[in-house]
Amino acid sequence: MGARSFLALFLILLLLASEAQGAHVPPQDEPDSPALLTKVQESLYGYWDTAKATAQDLYRKTYLPTVDEKIRDMYSKSTAAVTIYAGIFTDQVLSLLTGDH
């Protein structure tokens, strides 16, 4: 990046910072009710708990032992493959960094 573009970027950021400082709004008295963030957080926790309960209920209703075994087997095979390939990748990176041939 050239000196001119760096200077232009610096001046733009300086201008934006001064504008942000100039637009100061005086503080207002907050009501005794909970803050907006707290309300949003409680709402999201409520949605999350509902979705979680629904998913658990659906899982209990549709539980099939053969599908569960297949999923567990697929998980163990895929994690074994990822572990092997991660080891190979790590060896390749280390040999590139150390210069061994």
PDB file of N, CA and C in Angstrom:
ATOM      1  N   MET A   1       0.863  -1.154   0.000  1.00  0.00           N
ATOM      2  CA  MET A   1       0.000   0.000   0.000  1.00  0.00           C
ATOM      3  C   MET A   1       0.914   1.222   0.000  1.00  0.00           C
ATOM      4  N   GLY A   2       0.635   2.142  -0.893  1.00  0.00           N
ATOM      5  CA  GLY A   2       1.456   3.330  -1.015  1.00  0.00           C
ATOM      6  C   GLY A   2       1.206   4.319   0.108  1.00  0.00           C
ATOM      7  N   ALA A   3       2.096   5.287   0.197  1.00  0.00           N
ATOM      8  CA  ALA A   3       1.996   6.282   1.258  1.00  0.00           C
ATOM      9  C   ALA A   3       0.744   7.145   1.084  1.00  0.00           C
ATOM     10  N   ARG A   4       0.383   7.420  -0.164  1.00  0.00           N
ATOM     11  CA  ARG A   4      -0.798   8.254  -0.395  1.00  0.00           C
ATOM     12  C   ARG A   4      -2.084   7.547   0.029  1.00  0.00           C
ATOM     13  N   SER A   5      -2.187   6.262  -0.308  1.00  0.00           N
ATOM     14  CA  SER A   5      -3.404   5.535   0.068  1.00  0.00           C
ATOM     15  C   SER A   5      -3.462   5.354   1.591  1.00  0.00           C
ATOM     16  N   PHE A   6      -2.303   5.158   2.217  1.00  0.00           N
ATOM     17  CA  PHE A   6      -2.272   5.057   3.679  1.00  0.00           C
ATOM     18  C   PHE A   6      -2.706   6.374   4.309  1.00  0.00           C
ATOM     19  N   LEU A   7      -2.228   7.495   3.767  1.00  0.00           N
ATOM     20  CA  LEU A   7      -2.602   8.801   4.286  1.00  0.00           C
ATOM     21  C   LEU A   7      -4.091   9.058   4.088  1.00  0.00           C
ATOM     22  N   ALA A   8      -4.617   8.679   2.924  1.00  0.00           N
ATOM     23  CA  ALA A   8      -6.046   8.871   2.654  1.00  0.00           C
ATOM     24  C   ALA A   8      -6.896   8.025   3.608  1.00  0.00           C
ATOM     25  N   LEU A   9      -6.481   6.790   3.844  1.00  0.00           N
ATOM     26  CA  LEU A   9      -7.202   5.921   4.763  1.00  0.00           C
ATOM     27  C   LEU A   9      -7.153   6.486   6.184  1.00  0.00           C
ATOM     28  N   PHE A  10      -6.008   6.993   6.600  1.00  0.00           N
ATOM     29  CA  PHE A  10      -5.860   7.579   7.927  1.00  0.00           C
ATOM     30  C   PHE A  10      -6.775   8.790   8.081  1.00  0.00           C
ATOM     31  N   LEU A  11      -6.836   9.656   7.055  1.00  0.00           N
ATOM     32  CA  LEU A  11      -7.680  10.845   7.134  1.00  0.00           C
ATOM     33  C   LEU A  11      -9.157  10.480   7.182  1.00  0.00           C
ATOM     34  N   ILE A  12      -9.560   9.461   6.433  1.00  0.00           N
ATOM     35  CA  ILE A  12     -10.960   9.025   6.448  1.00  0.00           C
ATOM     36  C   ILE A  12     -11.325   8.490   7.827  1.00  0.00           C
ATOM     37  N   LEU A  13     -10.444   7.675   8.401  1.00  0.00           N
ATOM     38  CA  LEU A  13     -10.704   7.146   9.740  1.00  0.00           C
ATOM     39  C   LEU A  13     -10.735   8.260  10.778  1.00  0.00           C
ATOM     40  N   LEU A  14      -9.863   9.250  10.633  1.00  0.00           N
ATOM     41  CA  LEU A  14      -9.846  10.380  11.553  1.00  0.00           C
ATOM     42  C   LEU A  14     -11.145  11.171  11.450  1.00  0.00           C
ATOM     43  N   LEU A  15     -11.625  11.379  10.235  1.00  0.00           N
ATOM     44  CA  LEU A  15     -12.880  12.084  10.015  1.00  0.00           C
ATOM     45  C   LEU A  15     -14.051  11.314  10.631  1.00  0.00           C
ATOM     46  N   LEU A  16     -14.086   9.997  10.418  1.00  0.00           N
ATOM     47  CA  LEU A  16     -15.159   9.193  10.988  1.00  0.00           C
ATOM     48  C   LEU A  16     -15.118   9.217  12.512  1.00  0.00           C
ATOM     49  N   ALA A  17     -13.934   9.195  13.085  1.00  0.00           N
ATOM     50  CA  ALA A  17     -13.818   9.234  14.543  1.00  0.00           C
ATOM     51  C   ALA A  17     -14.304  10.564  15.089  1.00  0.00           C
ATOM     52  N   SER A  18     -13.982  11.650  14.404  1.00  0.00           N
ATOM     53  CA  SER A  18     -14.435  12.953  14.894  1.00  0.00           C
ATOM     54  C   SER A  18     -15.948  13.101  14.739  1.00  0.00           C
ATOM     55  N   GLU A  19     -16.520  12.520  13.693  1.00  0.00           N
ATOM     56  CA  GLU A  19     -17.970  12.553  13.510  1.00  0.00           C
ATOM     57  C   GLU A  19     -18.658  11.746  14.599  1.00  0.00           C
ATOM     58  N   ALA A  20     -18.061  10.608  14.957  1.00  0.00           N
ATOM     59  CA  ALA A  20     -18.661   9.773  15.996  1.00  0.00           C
ATOM     60  C   ALA A  20     -18.620  10.494  17.342  1.00  0.00           C
ATOM     61  N   GLN A  21     -17.569  11.243  17.593  1.00  0.00           N
ATOM     62  CA  GLN A  21     -17.489  11.982  18.845  1.00  0.00           C
ATOM     63  C   GLN A  21     -18.451  13.163  18.841  1.00  0.00           C
ATOM     64  N   GLY A  22     -18.669  13.771  17.704  1.00  0.00           N
ATOM     65  CA  GLY A  22     -19.540  14.934  17.610  1.00  0.00           C
ATOM     66  C   GLY A  22     -21.006  14.585  17.743  1.00  0.00           C
ATOM     67  N   ALA A  23     -21.383  13.327  17.506  1.00  0.00           N
ATOM     68  CA  ALA A  23     -22.780  12.917  17.546  1.00  0.00           C
ATOM     69  C   ALA A  23     -23.148  12.346  18.903  1.00  0.00           C
ATOM     70  N   HIS A  24     -22.659  12.935  19.953  1.00  0.00           N
ATOM     71  CA  HIS A  24     -22.910  12.432  21.305  1.00  0.00           C
ATOM     72  C   HIS A  24     -24.335  12.787  21.732  1.00  0.00           C
ATOM     73  N   VAL A  25     -25.036  11.773  22.224  1.00  0.00           N
ATOM     74  CA  VAL A  25     -26.400  11.949  22.694  1.00  0.00           C
ATOM     75  C   VAL A  25     -26.358  11.966  24.218  1.00  0.00           C
ATOM     76  N   PRO A  26     -27.006  12.945  24.831  1.00  0.00           N
ATOM     77  CA  PRO A  26     -26.975  12.984  26.297  1.00  0.00           C
ATOM     78  C   PRO A  26     -27.638  11.743  26.888  1.00  0.00           C
ATOM     79  N   PRO A  27     -27.120  11.250  28.018  1.00  0.00           N
ATOM     80  CA  PRO A  27     -27.695  10.042  28.615  1.00  0.00           C
ATOM     81  C   PRO A  27     -29.110  10.297  29.110  1.00  0.00           C
ATOM     82  N   GLN A  28     -29.933   9.281  28.987  1.00  0.00           N
ATOM     83  CA  GLN A  28     -31.317   9.377  29.431  1.00  0.00           C
ATOM     84  C   GLN A  28     -31.513   8.466  30.631  1.00  0.00           C
ATOM     85  N   ASP A  29     -32.484   8.800  31.443  1.00  0.00           N
ATOM     86  CA  ASP A  29     -32.787   7.948  32.584  1.00  0.00           C
ATOM     87  C   ASP A  29     -33.378   6.638  32.078  1.00  0.00           C
ATOM     88  N   GLU A  30     -32.816   5.522  32.572  1.00  0.00           N
ATOM     89  CA  GLU A  30     -33.319   4.218  32.152  1.00  0.00           C
ATOM     90  C   GLU A  30     -34.455   3.804  33.075  1.00  0.00           C
ATOM     91  N   PRO A  31     -35.481   3.205  32.512  1.00  0.00           N
ATOM     92  CA  PRO A  31     -36.582   2.733  33.356  1.00  0.00           C
ATOM     93  C   PRO A  31     -36.123   1.542  34.202  1.00  0.00           C
ATOM     94  N   ASP A  32     -36.948   1.181  35.189  1.00  0.00           N
ATOM     95  CA  ASP A  32     -36.609   0.087  36.084  1.00  0.00           C
ATOM     96  C   ASP A  32     -36.782  -1.280  35.431  1.00  0.00           C
ATOM     97  N   SER A  33     -37.344  -1.324  34.239  1.00  0.00           N
ATOM     98  CA  SER A  33     -37.551  -2.597  33.563  1.00  0.00           C
ATOM     99  C   SER A  33     -36.197  -3.148  33.084  1.00  0.00           C
ATOM    100  N   PRO A  34     -36.126  -4.470  32.827  1.00  0.00           N
ATOM    101  CA  PRO A  34     -34.863  -5.066  32.378  1.00  0.00           C
ATOM    102  C   PRO A  34     -34.421  -4.477  31.036  1.00  0.00           C
ATOM    103  N   ALA A  35     -33.131  -4.517  30.820  1.00  0.00           N
ATOM    104  CA  ALA A  35     -32.572  -3.958  29.601  1.00  0.00           C
ATOM    105  C   ALA A  35     -33.012  -4.782  28.403  1.00  0.00           C
ATOM    106  N   LEU A  36     -32.898  -4.184  27.250  1.00  0.00           N
ATOM    107  CA  LEU A  36     -33.288  -4.849  26.003  1.00  0.00           C
ATOM    108  C   LEU A  36     -32.470  -6.109  25.795  1.00  0.00           C
ATOM    109  N   LEU A  37     -31.181  -6.051  26.105  1.00  0.00           N
ATOM    110  CA  LEU A  37     -30.323  -7.214  25.927  1.00  0.00           C
ATOM    111  C   LEU A  37     -30.796  -8.388  26.780  1.00  0.00           C
ATOM    112  N   THR A  38     -31.217  -8.110  27.988  1.00  0.00           N
ATOM    113  CA  THR A  38     -31.708  -9.160  28.875  1.00  0.00           C
ATOM    114  C   THR A  38     -32.979  -9.785  28.310  1.00  0.00           C
ATOM    115  N   LYS A  39     -33.866  -8.958  27.790  1.00  0.00           N
ATOM    116  CA  LYS A  39     -35.108  -9.467  27.197  1.00  0.00           C
ATOM    117  C   LYS A  39     -34.807 -10.348  25.986  1.00  0.00           C
ATOM    118  N   VAL A  40     -33.905  -9.884  25.138  1.00  0.00           N
ATOM    119  CA  VAL A  40     -33.549 -10.669  23.951  1.00  0.00           C
ATOM    120  C   VAL A  40     -32.905 -11.979  24.369  1.00  0.00           C
ATOM    121  N   GLN A  41     -32.021 -11.922  25.358  1.00  0.00           N
ATOM    122  CA  GLN A  41     -31.353 -13.129  25.830  1.00  0.00           C
ATOM    123  C   GLN A  41     -32.352 -14.133  26.394  1.00  0.00           C
ATOM    124  N   GLU A  42     -33.285 -13.673  27.197  1.00  0.00           N
ATOM    125  CA  GLU A  42     -34.303 -14.562  27.756  1.00  0.00           C
ATOM    126  C   GLU A  42     -35.163 -15.164  26.651  1.00  0.00           C
ATOM    127  N   SER A  43     -35.482 -14.351  25.657  1.00  0.00           N
ATOM    128  CA  SER A  43     -36.277 -14.834  24.535  1.00  0.00           C
ATOM    129  C   SER A  43     -35.530 -15.921  23.765  1.00  0.00           C
ATOM    130  N   LEU A  44     -34.253 -15.686  23.508  1.00  0.00           N
ATOM    131  CA  LEU A  44     -33.459 -16.681  22.784  1.00  0.00           C
ATOM    132  C   LEU A  44     -33.298 -17.964  23.580  1.00  0.00           C
ATOM    133  N   TYR A  45     -33.099 -17.838  24.892  1.00  0.00           N
ATOM    134  CA  TYR A  45     -33.011 -19.033  25.727  1.00  0.00           C
ATOM    135  C   TYR A  45     -34.320 -19.809  25.701  1.00  0.00           C
ATOM    136  N   GLY A  46     -35.423 -19.099  25.693  1.00  0.00           N
ATOM    137  CA  GLY A  46     -36.722 -19.762  25.613  1.00  0.00           C
ATOM    138  C   GLY A  46     -36.889 -20.521  24.305  1.00  0.00           C
ATOM    139  N   TYR A  47     -36.525 -19.884  23.183  1.00  0.00           N
ATOM    140  CA  TYR A  47     -36.601 -20.553  21.885  1.00  0.00           C
ATOM    141  C   TYR A  47     -35.678 -21.766  21.852  1.00  0.00           C
ATOM    142  N   TRP A  48     -34.470 -21.607  22.406  1.00  0.00           N
ATOM    143  CA  TRP A  48     -33.503 -22.704  22.411  1.00  0.00           C
ATOM    144  C   TRP A  48     -34.032 -23.878  23.233  1.00  0.00           C
ATOM    145  N   ASP A  49     -34.590 -23.617  24.397  1.00  0.00           N
ATOM    146  CA  ASP A  49     -35.120 -24.688  25.236  1.00  0.00           C
ATOM    147  C   ASP A  49     -36.282 -25.396  24.552  1.00  0.00           C
ATOM    148  N   THR A  50     -37.126 -24.637  23.873  1.00  0.00           N
ATOM    149  CA  THR A  50     -38.257 -25.239  23.157  1.00  0.00           C
ATOM    150  C   THR A  50     -37.770 -26.118  22.017  1.00  0.00           C
ATOM    151  N   ALA A  51     -36.807 -25.615  21.245  1.00  0.00           N
ATOM    152  CA  ALA A  51     -36.268 -26.389  20.125  1.00  0.00           C
ATOM    153  C   ALA A  51     -35.557 -27.644  20.631  1.00  0.00           C
ATOM    154  N   LYS A  52     -34.837 -27.510  21.726  1.00  0.00           N
ATOM    155  CA  LYS A  52     -34.121 -28.646  22.294  1.00  0.00           C
ATOM    156  C   LYS A  52     -35.096 -29.717  22.777  1.00  0.00           C
ATOM    157  N   ALA A  53     -36.147 -29.296  23.471  1.00  0.00           N
ATOM    158  CA  ALA A  53     -37.147 -30.243  23.958  1.00  0.00           C
ATOM    159  C   ALA A  53     -37.855 -30.937  22.800  1.00  0.00           C
ATOM    160  N   THR A  54     -38.156 -30.194  21.750  1.00  0.00           N
ATOM    161  CA  THR A  54     -38.815 -30.768  20.578  1.00  0.00           C
ATOM    162  C   THR A  54     -37.912 -31.784  19.894  1.00  0.00           C
ATOM    163  N   ALA A  55     -36.636 -31.451  19.753  1.00  0.00           N
ATOM    164  CA  ALA A  55     -35.689 -32.366  19.116  1.00  0.00           C
ATOM    165  C   ALA A  55     -35.513 -33.639  19.941  1.00  0.00           C
ATOM    166  N   GLN A  56     -35.438 -33.507  21.259  1.00  0.00           N
ATOM    167  CA  GLN A  56     -35.309 -34.685  22.113  1.00  0.00           C
ATOM    168  C   GLN A  56     -36.555 -35.553  22.044  1.00  0.00           C
ATOM    169  N   ASP A  57     -37.707 -34.926  22.004  1.00  0.00           N
ATOM    170  CA  ASP A  57     -38.951 -35.670  21.896  1.00  0.00           C
ATOM    171  C   ASP A  57     -39.031 -36.401  20.563  1.00  0.00           C
ATOM    172  N   LEU A  58     -38.656 -35.732  19.503  1.00  0.00           N
ATOM    173  CA  LEU A  58     -38.652 -36.350  18.179  1.00  0.00           C
ATOM    174  C   LEU A  58     -37.665 -37.511  18.133  1.00  0.00           C
ATOM    175  N   TYR A  59     -36.502 -37.344  18.760  1.00  0.00           N
ATOM    176  CA  TYR A  59     -35.501 -38.408  18.794  1.00  0.00           C
ATOM    177  C   TYR A  59     -36.045 -39.622  19.549  1.00  0.00           C
ATOM    178  N   ARG A  60     -36.709 -39.381  20.667  1.00  0.00           N
ATOM    179  CA  ARG A  60     -37.279 -40.480  21.441  1.00  0.00           C
ATOM    180  C   ARG A  60     -38.374 -41.210  20.657  1.00  0.00           C
ATOM    181  N   LYS A  61     -39.169 -40.466  19.908  1.00  0.00           N
ATOM    182  CA  LYS A  61     -40.255 -41.082  19.141  1.00  0.00           C
ATOM    183  C   LYS A  61     -39.736 -41.897  17.968  1.00  0.00           C
ATOM    184  N   THR A  62     -38.665 -41.437  17.335  1.00  0.00           N
ATOM    185  CA  THR A  62     -38.169 -42.091  16.122  1.00  0.00           C
ATOM    186  C   THR A  62     -36.891 -42.880  16.355  1.00  0.00           C
ATOM    187  N   TYR A  63     -36.570 -43.225  17.589  1.00  0.00           N
ATOM    188  CA  TYR A  63     -35.342 -43.935  17.904  1.00  0.00           C
ATOM    189  C   TYR A  63     -35.377 -45.338  17.307  1.00  0.00           C
ATOM    190  N   LEU A  64     -34.370 -45.631  16.503  1.00  0.00           N
ATOM    191  CA  LEU A  64     -34.220 -46.957  15.921  1.00  0.00           C
ATOM    192  C   LEU A  64     -32.826 -47.465  16.277  1.00  0.00           C
ATOM    193  N   PRO A  65     -32.723 -48.585  16.954  1.00  0.00           N
ATOM    194  CA  PRO A  65     -31.407 -49.087  17.369  1.00  0.00           C
ATOM    195  C   PRO A  65     -30.465 -49.338  16.200  1.00  0.00           C
ATOM    196  N   THR A  66     -30.970 -49.827  15.071  1.00  0.00           N
ATOM    197  CA  THR A  66     -30.084 -50.112  13.939  1.00  0.00           C
ATOM    198  C   THR A  66     -29.503 -48.820  13.362  1.00  0.00           C
ATOM    199  N   VAL A  67     -30.319 -47.768  13.309  1.00  0.00           N
ATOM    200  CA  VAL A  67     -29.840 -46.477  12.811  1.00  0.00           C
ATOM    201  C   VAL A  67     -28.812 -45.905  13.778  1.00  0.00           C
ATOM    202  N   ASP A  68     -29.057 -46.056  15.067  1.00  0.00           N
ATOM    203  CA  ASP A  68     -28.123 -45.564  16.069  1.00  0.00           C
ATOM    204  C   ASP A  68     -26.779 -46.284  15.946  1.00  0.00           C
ATOM    205  N   GLU A  69     -26.807 -47.596  15.734  1.00  0.00           N
ATOM    206  CA  GLU A  69     -25.567 -48.354  15.558  1.00  0.00           C
ATOM    207  C   GLU A  69     -24.828 -47.911  14.299  1.00  0.00           C
ATOM    208  N   LYS A  70     -25.568 -47.670  13.226  1.00  0.00           N
ATOM    209  CA  LYS A  70     -24.941 -47.225  11.978  1.00  0.00           C
ATOM    210  C   LYS A  70     -24.286 -45.856  12.155  1.00  0.00           C
ATOM    211  N   ILE A  71     -24.960 -44.972  12.867  1.00  0.00           N
ATOM    212  CA  ILE A  71     -24.408 -43.637  13.102  1.00  0.00           C
ATOM    213  C   ILE A  71     -23.151 -43.728  13.951  1.00  0.00           C
ATOM    214  N   ARG A  72     -23.178 -44.550  14.986  1.00  0.00           N
ATOM    215  CA  ARG A  72     -21.994 -44.714  15.831  1.00  0.00           C
ATOM    216  C   ARG A  72     -20.829 -45.312  15.041  1.00  0.00           C
ATOM    217  N   ASP A  73     -21.129 -46.305  14.202  1.00  0.00           N
ATOM    218  CA  ASP A  73     -20.085 -46.924  13.381  1.00  0.00           C
ATOM    219  C   ASP A  73     -19.510 -45.924  12.381  1.00  0.00           C
ATOM    220  N   MET A  74     -20.390 -45.153  11.739  1.00  0.00           N
ATOM    221  CA  MET A  74     -19.941 -44.154  10.777  1.00  0.00           C
ATOM    222  C   MET A  74     -19.089 -43.085  11.468  1.00  0.00           C
ATOM    223  N   TYR A  75     -19.473 -42.688  12.676  1.00  0.00           N
ATOM    224  CA  TYR A  75     -18.707 -41.699  13.419  1.00  0.00           C
ATOM    225  C   TYR A  75     -17.326 -42.228  13.760  1.00  0.00           C
ATOM    226  N   SER A  76     -17.245 -43.465  14.235  1.00  0.00           N
ATOM    227  CA  SER A  76     -15.935 -44.006  14.614  1.00  0.00           C
ATOM    228  C   SER A  76     -15.031 -44.171  13.390  1.00  0.00           C
ATOM    229  N   LYS A  77     -15.586 -44.603  12.260  1.00  0.00           N
ATOM    230  CA  LYS A  77     -14.774 -44.747  11.042  1.00  0.00           C
ATOM    231  C   LYS A  77     -14.306 -43.389  10.525  1.00  0.00           C
ATOM    232  N   SER A  78     -15.195 -42.399  10.558  1.00  0.00           N
ATOM    233  CA  SER A  78     -14.807 -41.085  10.030  1.00  0.00           C
ATOM    234  C   SER A  78     -13.788 -40.409  10.935  1.00  0.00           C
ATOM    235  N   THR A  79     -13.907 -40.557  12.247  1.00  0.00           N
ATOM    236  CA  THR A  79     -12.901 -39.956  13.128  1.00  0.00           C
ATOM    237  C   THR A  79     -11.561 -40.658  12.987  1.00  0.00           C
ATOM    238  N   ALA A  80     -11.568 -41.969  12.750  1.00  0.00           N
ATOM    239  CA  ALA A  80     -10.313 -42.686  12.520  1.00  0.00           C
ATOM    240  C   ALA A  80      -9.653 -42.197  11.233  1.00  0.00           C
ATOM    241  N   ALA A  81     -10.439 -42.000  10.176  1.00  0.00           N
ATOM    242  CA  ALA A  81      -9.885 -41.517   8.909  1.00  0.00           C
ATOM    243  C   ALA A  81      -9.347 -40.099   9.051  1.00  0.00           C
ATOM    244  N   VAL A  82     -10.074 -39.247   9.745  1.00  0.00           N
ATOM    245  CA  VAL A  82      -9.613 -37.869   9.940  1.00  0.00           C
ATOM    246  C   VAL A  82      -8.321 -37.856  10.741  1.00  0.00           C
ATOM    247  N   THR A  83      -8.219 -38.708  11.744  1.00  0.00           N
ATOM    248  CA  THR A  83      -7.004 -38.786  12.545  1.00  0.00           C
ATOM    249  C   THR A  83      -5.821 -39.217  11.690  1.00  0.00           C
ATOM    250  N   ILE A  84      -6.025 -40.205  10.846  1.00  0.00           N
ATOM    251  CA  ILE A  84      -4.941 -40.674   9.971  1.00  0.00           C
ATOM    252  C   ILE A  84      -4.514 -39.577   9.014  1.00  0.00           C
ATOM    253  N   TYR A  85      -5.468 -38.944   8.334  1.00  0.00           N
ATOM    254  CA  TYR A  85      -5.118 -37.906   7.365  1.00  0.00           C
ATOM    255  C   TYR A  85      -4.534 -36.667   8.034  1.00  0.00           C
ATOM    256  N   ALA A  86      -4.965 -36.356   9.239  1.00  0.00           N
ATOM    257  CA  ALA A  86      -4.372 -35.234   9.970  1.00  0.00           C
ATOM    258  C   ALA A  86      -2.918 -35.539  10.319  1.00  0.00           C
ATOM    259  N   GLY A  87      -2.626 -36.781  10.674  1.00  0.00           N
ATOM    260  CA  GLY A  87      -1.249 -37.179  10.936  1.00  0.00           C
ATOM    261  C   GLY A  87      -0.378 -37.090   9.693  1.00  0.00           C
ATOM    262  N   ILE A  88      -0.910 -37.535   8.574  1.00  0.00           N
ATOM    263  CA  ILE A  88      -0.168 -37.447   7.305  1.00  0.00           C
ATOM    264  C   ILE A  88       0.085 -35.993   6.950  1.00  0.00           C
ATOM    265  N   PHE A  89      -0.927 -35.158   7.082  1.00  0.00           N
ATOM    266  CA  PHE A  89      -0.784 -33.734   6.774  1.00  0.00           C
ATOM    267  C   PHE A  89       0.252 -33.083   7.680  1.00  0.00           C
ATOM    268  N   THR A  90       0.216 -33.420   8.963  1.00  0.00           N
ATOM    269  CA  THR A  90       1.180 -32.860   9.913  1.00  0.00           C
ATOM    270  C   THR A  90       2.602 -33.282   9.544  1.00  0.00           C
ATOM    271  N   ASP A  91       2.788 -34.555   9.182  1.00  0.00           N
ATOM    272  CA  ASP A  91       4.114 -35.020   8.763  1.00  0.00           C
ATOM    273  C   ASP A  91       4.595 -34.271   7.533  1.00  0.00           C
ATOM    274  N   GLN A  92       3.701 -34.028   6.577  1.00  0.00           N
ATOM    275  CA  GLN A  92       4.084 -33.324   5.351  1.00  0.00           C
ATOM    276  C   GLN A  92       4.484 -31.879   5.656  1.00  0.00           C
ATOM    277  N   VAL A  93       3.724 -31.219   6.493  1.00  0.00           N
ATOM    278  CA  VAL A  93       4.039 -29.833   6.847  1.00  0.00           C
ATOM    279  C   VAL A  93       5.368 -29.760   7.588  1.00  0.00           C
ATOM    280  N   LEU A  94       5.577 -30.674   8.529  1.00  0.00           N
ATOM    281  CA  LEU A  94       6.837 -30.677   9.267  1.00  0.00           C
ATOM    282  C   LEU A  94       8.026 -30.961   8.358  1.00  0.00           C
ATOM    283  N   SER A  95       7.851 -31.866   7.399  1.00  0.00           N
ATOM    284  CA  SER A  95       8.973 -32.143   6.485  1.00  0.00           C
ATOM    285  C   SER A  95       9.235 -30.952   5.571  1.00  0.00           C
ATOM    286  N   LEU A  96       8.209 -30.214   5.208  1.00  0.00           N
ATOM    287  CA  LEU A  96       8.422 -29.004   4.405  1.00  0.00           C
ATOM    288  C   LEU A  96       9.141 -27.940   5.212  1.00  0.00           C
ATOM    289  N   LEU A  97       8.788 -27.788   6.476  1.00  0.00           N
ATOM    290  CA  LEU A  97       9.384 -26.760   7.315  1.00  0.00           C
ATOM    291  C   LEU A  97      10.825 -27.097   7.697  1.00  0.00           C
ATOM    292  N   THR A  98      11.114 -28.360   7.950  1.00  0.00           N
ATOM    293  CA  THR A  98      12.460 -28.734   8.354  1.00  0.00           C
ATOM    294  C   THR A  98      13.362 -28.991   7.157  1.00  0.00           C
ATOM    295  N   GLY A  99      12.797 -29.237   5.990  1.00  0.00           N
ATOM    296  CA  GLY A  99      13.595 -29.423   4.786  1.00  0.00           C
ATOM    297  C   GLY A  99      14.080 -30.852   4.604  1.00  0.00           C
ATOM    298  N   ASP A 100      13.556 -31.801   5.347  1.00  0.00           N
ATOM    299  CA  ASP A 100      13.934 -33.213   5.171  1.00  0.00           C
ATOM    300  C   ASP A 100      13.309 -33.741   3.888  1.00  0.00           C
ATOM    301  N   HIS A 101      14.080 -34.575   3.185  1.00  0.00           N
ATOM    302  CA  HIS A 101      13.547 -35.147   1.933  1.00  0.00           C
ATOM    303  C   HIS A 101      13.508 -36.631   2.045  1.00  0.00           C
TER     304      HIS A 101
END
